[in-house]
Amino acid sequence: MFDRLDQLEARYEDLGRQMSDPTLVNDQKKFQSIAKQHRDMEPTVEKFREYRKIKDGIAEAKAMLAEPDPDIKEMAQAELDTLEPRLGPIEDGLKVLLLPKDPNDEKNVILELRAGTGGDEAALFVAEVFRMYLRFAEQHKWKVEVLSQTESGIGHGLKDVTAIIEGDNVYSQLKYESGVHRVQRVPATETQGRVHTSAITVAVLPEAEEVDIKIEAKDLRIDTFCSSGPGGQSVNTTYSAVRITHLPTNTVVSCQDEKSQIKNREKGMRVLRARLYEVEAERIHQIQAKDRKQQIGSGDRSEKIRTYNFPQNRLTDHRIGLTNHQLAMVMEGQIQPTIDALIAHYTAEKLKAESEAA
């Protein structure tokens, strides 16, 4: 590990020297690439330097223990008592920082929510969970753009909604949200006071660039139709809505949020690339998993990952056994503690897999 850290620090210093080269100013693309590499390495290098400083301090304190002066010995022992407990956590932090980075962590995401079992109650919960993610996005100053949504027949329910979330490290925060979200509560229409169980599916897809997924024009069928739902005078009068079908995979994407057919097509293509990217990533993951003892963070959408129990004000994440008795705050977007716990859990799993492989 420390050989890798030495090499990383040398590379970091070399990139720093390159950034100070005045000739590089003329090549902004190269400068930005080098600056990004330098910035990405900085947390690991700083943590390594802190580790080395503490190690040096411990060595000095141990040497001082050999001094005959009792005051110096006492001071040295106090220094050791302060420094030695810090060494283990910093070393653990370095192991985490050296884990292979998920190449998608910095990407924007396509967020898709769909009502499952439970009819109108499930549709209402889609709207509430989408609002939860909107509140969470606001906290991070992310931009959310709705691409399409289908309203249900009652209240403010949504049968489905698709949105793009743009910002810093969006996928790294939301990637463990994919799966079945179950809700248990008494519906407003229930006269007997019985608790009903409904479910929705959440999909978080990293947005794919054109270089990630190559889509041939001959593989697409593009249909246009009239928009439905909110949208003003253009609704049901112009063929602005777009349905894109990827023929080889029979993947269908619809977008009708914009009044412009061109804009709807652009947004639809963003969703299509993300879905095809997910299919390819899952195929590669399955191939790699055959050579491993376990799969880590597969993000299987069919898996029941979380239950929202309203009568007991309880949220339970079944993957890590986490229970939160502040469900009202969760529904207002306070999901960072849950997300942090998931990240910590899956990071520990990756560390365990790395040590076993070593």
Protein backbone atom coordinates (compact mmCIF):
# COMPACT_ATOMS: atom_id res chain seq x y z
CA MET A 1 0.00 0.00 0.00
CA PHE A 2 2.74 2.45 0.94
CA ASP A 3 4.64 1.83 -2.31
CA ARG A 4 1.47 2.85 -4.15
CA LEU A 5 1.15 5.95 -1.96
CA ASP A 6 4.77 6.94 -2.64
CA GLN A 7 4.16 6.62 -6.37
CA LEU A 8 0.91 8.57 -6.08
CA GLU A 9 2.64 11.41 -4.22
CA ALA A 10 5.41 11.55 -6.84
CA ARG A 11 2.81 11.71 -9.60
CA TYR A 12 0.90 14.43 -7.69
CA GLU A 13 4.05 16.57 -7.42
CA ASP A 14 4.84 16.01 -11.10
CA LEU A 15 1.35 17.18 -12.09
CA GLY A 16 1.81 20.24 -9.88
CA ARG A 17 5.01 21.12 -11.76
CA GLN A 18 3.24 20.66 -15.09
CA MET A 19 0.46 23.02 -14.01
CA SER A 20 3.02 25.75 -13.31
CA ASP A 21 4.45 25.46 -16.84
CA PRO A 22 3.53 28.75 -18.60
CA THR A 23 3.35 27.02 -22.00
CA LEU A 24 0.43 24.91 -20.78
CA VAL A 25 -1.81 27.98 -20.56
CA ASN A 26 -2.20 27.88 -24.34
CA ASP A 27 -3.68 24.38 -24.19
CA GLN A 28 -6.69 24.78 -21.91
CA LYS A 29 -8.02 21.28 -22.55
CA LYS A 30 -4.77 19.67 -21.42
CA PHE A 31 -4.46 22.08 -18.48
CA GLN A 32 -7.97 21.23 -17.26
CA SER A 33 -7.24 17.51 -17.58
CA ILE A 34 -4.03 17.81 -15.54
CA ALA A 35 -5.73 20.06 -12.98
CA LYS A 36 -8.53 17.51 -12.52
CA GLN A 37 -6.06 14.66 -11.99
CA HIS A 38 -4.17 16.80 -9.48
CA ARG A 39 -7.37 17.72 -7.65
CA ASP A 40 -8.56 14.09 -7.53
CA MET A 41 -5.27 12.96 -5.99
CA GLU A 42 -5.11 15.73 -3.40
CA PRO A 43 -7.24 14.13 -0.61
CA THR A 44 -5.19 10.91 -0.73
CA VAL A 45 -1.84 12.70 -0.80
CA GLU A 46 -2.82 14.99 2.08
CA LYS A 47 -4.00 12.00 4.15
CA PHE A 48 -0.73 10.15 3.38
CA ARG A 49 1.33 13.16 4.45
CA GLU A 50 -0.65 13.39 7.67
CA TYR A 51 -0.01 9.68 8.28
CA ARG A 52 3.73 10.10 7.66
CA LYS A 53 3.89 13.13 9.98
CA ILE A 54 2.26 11.14 12.79
CA LYS A 55 4.61 8.19 12.19
CA ASP A 56 7.59 10.53 12.44
CA GLY A 57 6.16 12.04 15.62
CA ILE A 58 5.75 8.59 17.18
CA ALA A 59 9.32 7.65 16.28
CA GLU A 60 10.64 10.87 17.85
CA ALA A 61 8.57 10.35 21.00
CA LYS A 62 9.83 6.77 21.37
CA ALA A 63 13.40 7.99 21.05
CA MET A 64 12.75 10.57 23.79
CA LEU A 65 11.61 7.78 26.14
CA ALA A 66 15.26 6.68 26.33
CA GLU A 67 16.24 10.03 27.85
CA PRO A 68 17.16 9.95 31.56
CA ASP A 69 15.21 13.13 32.36
CA PRO A 70 11.80 12.06 33.86
CA ASP A 71 10.11 15.27 32.62
CA ILE A 72 11.16 14.50 29.03
CA LYS A 73 9.96 10.91 29.43
CA GLU A 74 6.60 12.11 30.71
CA MET A 75 6.25 14.55 27.82
CA ALA A 76 7.21 11.82 25.33
CA GLN A 77 4.66 9.40 26.78
CA ALA A 78 1.92 12.06 26.59
CA GLU A 79 2.83 12.62 22.93
CA LEU A 80 2.61 8.89 22.25
CA ASP A 81 -0.76 8.66 23.99
CA THR A 82 -2.03 11.39 21.66
CA LEU A 83 -0.50 10.20 18.38
CA GLU A 84 -0.80 6.39 18.46
CA PRO A 85 -4.63 6.25 18.60
CA ARG A 86 -4.77 8.48 15.49
CA LEU A 87 -2.62 6.18 13.37
CA GLY A 88 -5.11 3.32 12.86
CA PRO A 89 -8.07 5.43 11.68
CA ILE A 90 -5.86 7.34 9.24
CA GLU A 91 -4.46 4.09 7.83
CA ASP A 92 -8.04 2.79 7.40
CA GLY A 93 -8.92 6.04 5.64
CA LEU A 94 -6.01 5.58 3.25
CA LYS A 95 -7.21 2.07 2.39
CA VAL A 96 -10.62 3.50 1.48
CA LEU A 97 -9.09 6.27 -0.62
CA LEU A 98 -7.02 3.69 -2.54
CA LEU A 99 -10.06 1.61 -3.48
CA PRO A 100 -10.77 1.65 -7.22
CA LYS A 101 -13.02 4.59 -7.99
CA ASP A 102 -16.43 4.01 -9.50
CA PRO A 103 -16.08 5.75 -12.89
CA ASN A 104 -19.72 6.81 -12.70
CA ASP A 105 -19.56 8.55 -9.31
CA GLU A 106 -19.19 12.05 -10.75
CA LYS A 107 -21.94 11.62 -13.34
CA ASN A 108 -25.41 13.11 -13.47
CA VAL A 109 -28.27 10.63 -13.14
CA ILE A 110 -31.52 9.68 -14.80
CA LEU A 111 -34.01 9.06 -12.01
CA GLU A 112 -37.05 6.90 -12.82
CA LEU A 113 -39.89 6.14 -10.41
CA ARG A 114 -42.81 3.82 -11.25
CA ALA A 115 -45.88 2.74 -9.31
CA GLY A 116 -46.00 -0.99 -8.59
CA THR A 117 -48.47 -2.95 -6.50
CA GLY A 118 -51.07 -0.87 -4.70
CA GLY A 119 -52.89 1.03 -7.45
CA ASP A 120 -53.71 4.65 -6.56
CA GLU A 121 -51.89 4.41 -3.23
CA ALA A 122 -48.68 3.42 -5.05
CA ALA A 123 -49.12 6.35 -7.44
CA LEU A 124 -49.46 8.74 -4.50
CA PHE A 125 -46.28 7.31 -3.01
CA VAL A 126 -44.40 7.83 -6.29
CA ALA A 127 -45.22 11.53 -6.04
CA GLU A 128 -44.15 11.67 -2.39
CA VAL A 129 -40.84 9.86 -2.93
CA PHE A 130 -40.09 12.03 -5.96
CA ARG A 131 -40.72 15.09 -3.79
CA MET A 132 -38.32 13.58 -1.20
CA TYR A 133 -35.58 13.40 -3.83
CA LEU A 134 -36.37 16.94 -4.99
CA ARG A 135 -35.85 18.20 -1.43
CA PHE A 136 -32.60 16.24 -1.17
CA ALA A 137 -31.42 17.71 -4.49
CA GLU A 138 -32.18 21.22 -3.21
CA GLN A 139 -29.90 20.62 -0.21
CA HIS A 140 -27.04 19.78 -2.58
CA LYS A 141 -27.89 22.59 -5.02
CA TRP A 142 -28.44 20.06 -7.82
CA LYS A 143 -30.56 20.89 -10.84
CA VAL A 144 -33.60 18.66 -11.48
CA GLU A 145 -35.37 18.57 -14.83
CA VAL A 146 -38.51 16.50 -15.35
CA LEU A 147 -38.49 14.66 -18.69
CA SER A 148 -41.84 12.92 -18.52
CA GLN A 149 -44.54 12.01 -16.05
CA THR A 150 -47.89 10.25 -16.11
CA GLU A 151 -50.46 11.45 -13.63
CA SER A 152 -52.87 9.07 -11.93
CA GLY A 153 -56.60 9.55 -11.81
CA ILE A 154 -56.74 10.76 -8.22
CA GLY A 155 -55.16 13.54 -6.19
CA HIS A 156 -51.56 14.36 -6.94
CA GLY A 157 -50.42 10.82 -7.70
CA LEU A 158 -47.98 9.85 -10.45
CA LYS A 159 -47.97 6.52 -12.23
CA ASP A 160 -44.39 7.24 -13.30
CA VAL A 161 -41.90 10.09 -13.51
CA THR A 162 -38.49 10.42 -15.18
CA ALA A 163 -36.08 13.24 -14.41
CA ILE A 164 -32.46 14.23 -14.95
CA ILE A 165 -30.50 15.34 -11.87
CA GLU A 166 -27.37 17.37 -12.62
CA GLY A 167 -24.68 18.46 -10.18
CA ASP A 168 -21.52 17.43 -8.35
CA ASN A 169 -21.15 13.70 -7.63
CA VAL A 170 -24.86 13.00 -7.98
CA TYR A 171 -24.47 9.31 -8.82
CA SER A 172 -22.10 8.71 -5.89
CA GLN A 173 -24.87 9.84 -3.53
CA LEU A 174 -27.90 8.21 -5.17
CA LYS A 175 -26.56 4.98 -6.68
CA TYR A 176 -27.81 2.79 -3.82
CA GLU A 177 -31.40 4.06 -4.12
CA SER A 178 -32.30 1.68 -6.94
CA GLY A 179 -34.78 -1.03 -5.98
CA VAL A 180 -38.27 -1.59 -4.62
CA HIS A 181 -39.45 0.93 -2.03
CA ARG A 182 -42.38 -0.38 0.04
CA VAL A 183 -44.87 1.79 1.93
CA GLN A 184 -47.12 0.67 4.79
CA ARG A 185 -49.90 3.04 5.90
CA VAL A 186 -53.65 3.60 6.13
CA PRO A 187 -54.89 5.06 2.82
CA ALA A 188 -57.16 8.10 2.96
CA THR A 189 -59.93 6.02 1.32
CA GLU A 190 -59.72 3.25 3.94
CA THR A 191 -62.75 3.42 6.27
CA GLN A 192 -61.75 0.49 8.50
CA GLY A 193 -58.36 1.94 9.46
CA ARG A 194 -56.46 -1.02 8.02
CA VAL A 195 -52.80 -0.67 7.04
CA HIS A 196 -52.18 -1.31 3.33
CA THR A 197 -48.88 -2.22 1.72
CA SER A 198 -47.91 -0.74 -1.65
CA ALA A 199 -44.68 -0.62 -3.59
CA ILE A 200 -42.87 1.49 -6.17
CA THR A 201 -39.66 0.95 -8.11
CA VAL A 202 -36.81 3.44 -8.20
CA ALA A 203 -34.07 3.34 -10.82
CA VAL A 204 -30.96 5.53 -10.66
CA LEU A 205 -29.02 5.41 -13.93
CA PRO A 206 -25.70 7.18 -14.50
CA GLU A 207 -26.03 9.49 -17.49
CA ALA A 208 -23.96 8.14 -20.37
CA GLU A 209 -22.04 10.32 -22.78
CA GLU A 210 -22.02 9.68 -26.52
CA VAL A 211 -18.49 8.27 -26.17
CA ASP A 212 -19.78 5.73 -23.61
CA ILE A 213 -22.59 4.37 -25.79
CA LYS A 214 -22.60 4.46 -29.58
CA ILE A 215 -26.13 4.46 -31.01
CA GLU A 216 -26.61 4.00 -34.75
CA ALA A 217 -29.35 6.01 -36.44
CA LYS A 218 -30.50 2.90 -38.33
CA ASP A 219 -31.25 1.22 -34.99
CA LEU A 220 -33.79 3.87 -33.98
CA ARG A 221 -37.47 4.35 -34.70
CA ILE A 222 -38.74 7.79 -33.73
CA ASP A 223 -42.46 8.49 -33.43
CA THR A 224 -44.10 11.80 -32.60
CA PHE A 225 -47.43 12.36 -30.87
CA CYS A 226 -49.42 15.03 -29.07
CA SER A 227 -48.41 15.85 -25.50
CA SER A 228 -50.78 15.20 -22.63
CA GLY A 229 -51.03 16.81 -19.22
CA PRO A 230 -49.81 20.30 -18.19
CA GLY A 231 -48.25 22.37 -20.93
CA GLY A 232 -50.49 25.19 -22.04
CA GLN A 233 -51.96 25.75 -25.48
CA SER A 234 -49.58 23.41 -27.29
CA VAL A 235 -50.98 20.35 -25.49
CA ASN A 236 -52.93 18.05 -27.83
CA THR A 237 -52.41 20.47 -30.74
CA THR A 238 -48.80 19.90 -31.84
CA TYR A 239 -46.83 16.72 -32.32
CA SER A 240 -44.06 17.78 -29.93
CA ALA A 241 -43.87 14.61 -27.82
CA VAL A 242 -41.32 12.03 -28.93
CA ARG A 243 -41.14 8.25 -28.53
CA ILE A 244 -37.77 6.67 -29.35
CA THR A 245 -37.47 2.91 -29.83
CA HIS A 246 -34.05 1.24 -29.89
CA LEU A 247 -34.82 -1.67 -32.20
CA PRO A 248 -32.00 -4.12 -31.26
CA THR A 249 -32.99 -4.08 -27.56
CA ASN A 250 -36.63 -2.96 -27.91
CA THR A 251 -35.92 -0.20 -25.37
CA VAL A 252 -38.59 2.52 -25.53
CA VAL A 253 -38.20 6.08 -24.22
CA SER A 254 -40.81 8.84 -24.28
CA CYS A 255 -40.34 12.53 -23.59
CA GLN A 256 -43.03 15.21 -23.72
CA ASP A 257 -41.96 17.80 -21.17
CA GLU A 258 -40.84 20.38 -23.73
CA LYS A 259 -42.99 22.16 -26.30
CA SER A 260 -40.19 21.68 -28.83
CA GLN A 261 -39.95 18.32 -30.59
CA ILE A 262 -36.18 18.82 -31.02
CA LYS A 263 -35.66 19.38 -27.28
CA ASN A 264 -37.80 16.37 -26.42
CA ARG A 265 -35.75 14.25 -28.79
CA GLU A 266 -32.48 15.46 -27.20
CA LYS A 267 -33.75 14.63 -23.72
CA GLY A 268 -35.10 11.28 -24.86
CA MET A 269 -31.71 10.36 -26.27
CA ARG A 270 -30.09 11.17 -22.91
CA VAL A 271 -32.45 8.71 -21.21
CA LEU A 272 -31.93 6.07 -23.91
CA ARG A 273 -28.13 6.28 -23.60
CA ALA A 274 -28.41 5.88 -19.82
CA ARG A 275 -30.63 2.80 -20.11
CA LEU A 276 -28.41 1.12 -22.70
CA TYR A 277 -25.34 1.99 -20.61
CA GLU A 278 -26.96 0.30 -17.59
CA VAL A 279 -27.69 -2.85 -19.61
CA GLU A 280 -24.08 -3.04 -20.82
CA ALA A 281 -22.68 -2.30 -17.34
CA GLU A 282 -24.82 -5.05 -15.83
CA ARG A 283 -23.65 -7.52 -18.50
CA ILE A 284 -20.00 -6.75 -17.69
CA HIS A 285 -20.75 -6.94 -13.96
CA GLN A 286 -22.25 -10.42 -14.33
CA ILE A 287 -19.20 -11.63 -16.26
CA GLN A 288 -16.84 -10.28 -13.59
CA ALA A 289 -19.00 -11.65 -10.76
CA LYS A 290 -18.49 -15.22 -12.00
CA ASP A 291 -14.88 -14.96 -10.87
CA ARG A 292 -15.76 -13.53 -7.45
CA LYS A 293 -17.26 -15.06 -4.32
CA GLN A 294 -19.96 -12.43 -4.04
CA GLN A 295 -21.52 -9.55 -5.85
CA ILE A 296 -21.24 -6.15 -4.22
CA GLY A 297 -23.80 -3.43 -4.77
CA SER A 298 -25.44 -4.98 -7.80
CA GLY A 299 -28.32 -2.49 -7.59
CA ASP A 300 -30.93 -5.08 -8.53
CA ARG A 301 -34.17 -3.18 -9.09
CA SER A 302 -36.30 -6.20 -8.21
CA GLU A 303 -34.92 -6.31 -4.67
CA LYS A 304 -37.01 -4.85 -1.84
CA ILE A 305 -34.55 -2.42 -0.33
CA ARG A 306 -36.59 -0.18 1.98
CA THR A 307 -39.86 0.04 3.90
CA TYR A 308 -41.57 3.28 4.91
CA ASN A 309 -43.92 2.46 7.81
CA PHE A 310 -46.05 5.52 8.53
CA PRO A 311 -48.08 4.23 11.55
CA GLN A 312 -44.80 3.57 13.40
CA ASN A 313 -42.95 6.61 11.94
CA ARG A 314 -40.23 4.19 10.84
CA LEU A 315 -37.94 3.80 7.86
CA THR A 316 -36.08 0.49 7.50
CA ASP A 317 -33.33 -0.21 4.98
CA HIS A 318 -33.30 -4.00 4.69
CA ARG A 319 -29.86 -4.29 3.10
CA ILE A 320 -27.98 -2.96 6.13
CA GLY A 321 -30.57 -3.38 8.90
CA LEU A 322 -30.84 0.37 9.42
CA THR A 323 -33.89 1.73 11.26
CA ASN A 324 -34.84 5.40 11.47
CA HIS A 325 -37.77 6.58 13.59
CA GLN A 326 -37.96 10.04 12.00
CA LEU A 327 -39.89 9.16 8.86
CA ALA A 328 -41.53 12.60 8.61
CA MET A 329 -38.08 14.20 8.30
CA VAL A 330 -37.01 11.56 5.77
CA MET A 331 -39.97 12.40 3.55
CA GLU A 332 -38.82 16.05 3.67
CA GLY A 333 -35.54 15.02 2.06
CA GLN A 334 -33.47 14.31 5.18
CA ILE A 335 -31.99 11.10 3.75
CA GLN A 336 -28.27 11.93 4.09
CA PRO A 337 -27.78 9.75 7.22
CA THR A 338 -29.26 6.75 5.38
CA ILE A 339 -27.14 7.40 2.30
CA ASP A 340 -23.97 7.82 4.42
CA ALA A 341 -24.69 4.51 6.17
CA LEU A 342 -25.14 2.75 2.82
CA ILE A 343 -21.90 4.19 1.44
CA ALA A 344 -20.03 3.11 4.60
CA HIS A 345 -21.50 -0.40 4.40
CA TYR A 346 -20.63 -0.99 0.75
CA THR A 347 -17.18 0.57 1.19
CA ALA A 348 -16.51 -1.94 4.01
CA GLU A 349 -17.69 -4.75 1.71
CA LYS A 350 -15.29 -3.61 -0.99
CA LEU A 351 -12.40 -3.42 1.51
CA LYS A 352 -13.19 -6.96 2.64
CA ALA A 353 -13.25 -8.19 -0.98
CA GLU A 354 -9.94 -6.42 -1.70
CA SER A 355 -8.24 -8.00 1.34
CA GLU A 356 -9.57 -11.45 0.40
CA ALA A 357 -8.33 -11.03 -3.17
CA ALA A 358 -4.92 -9.98 -1.88
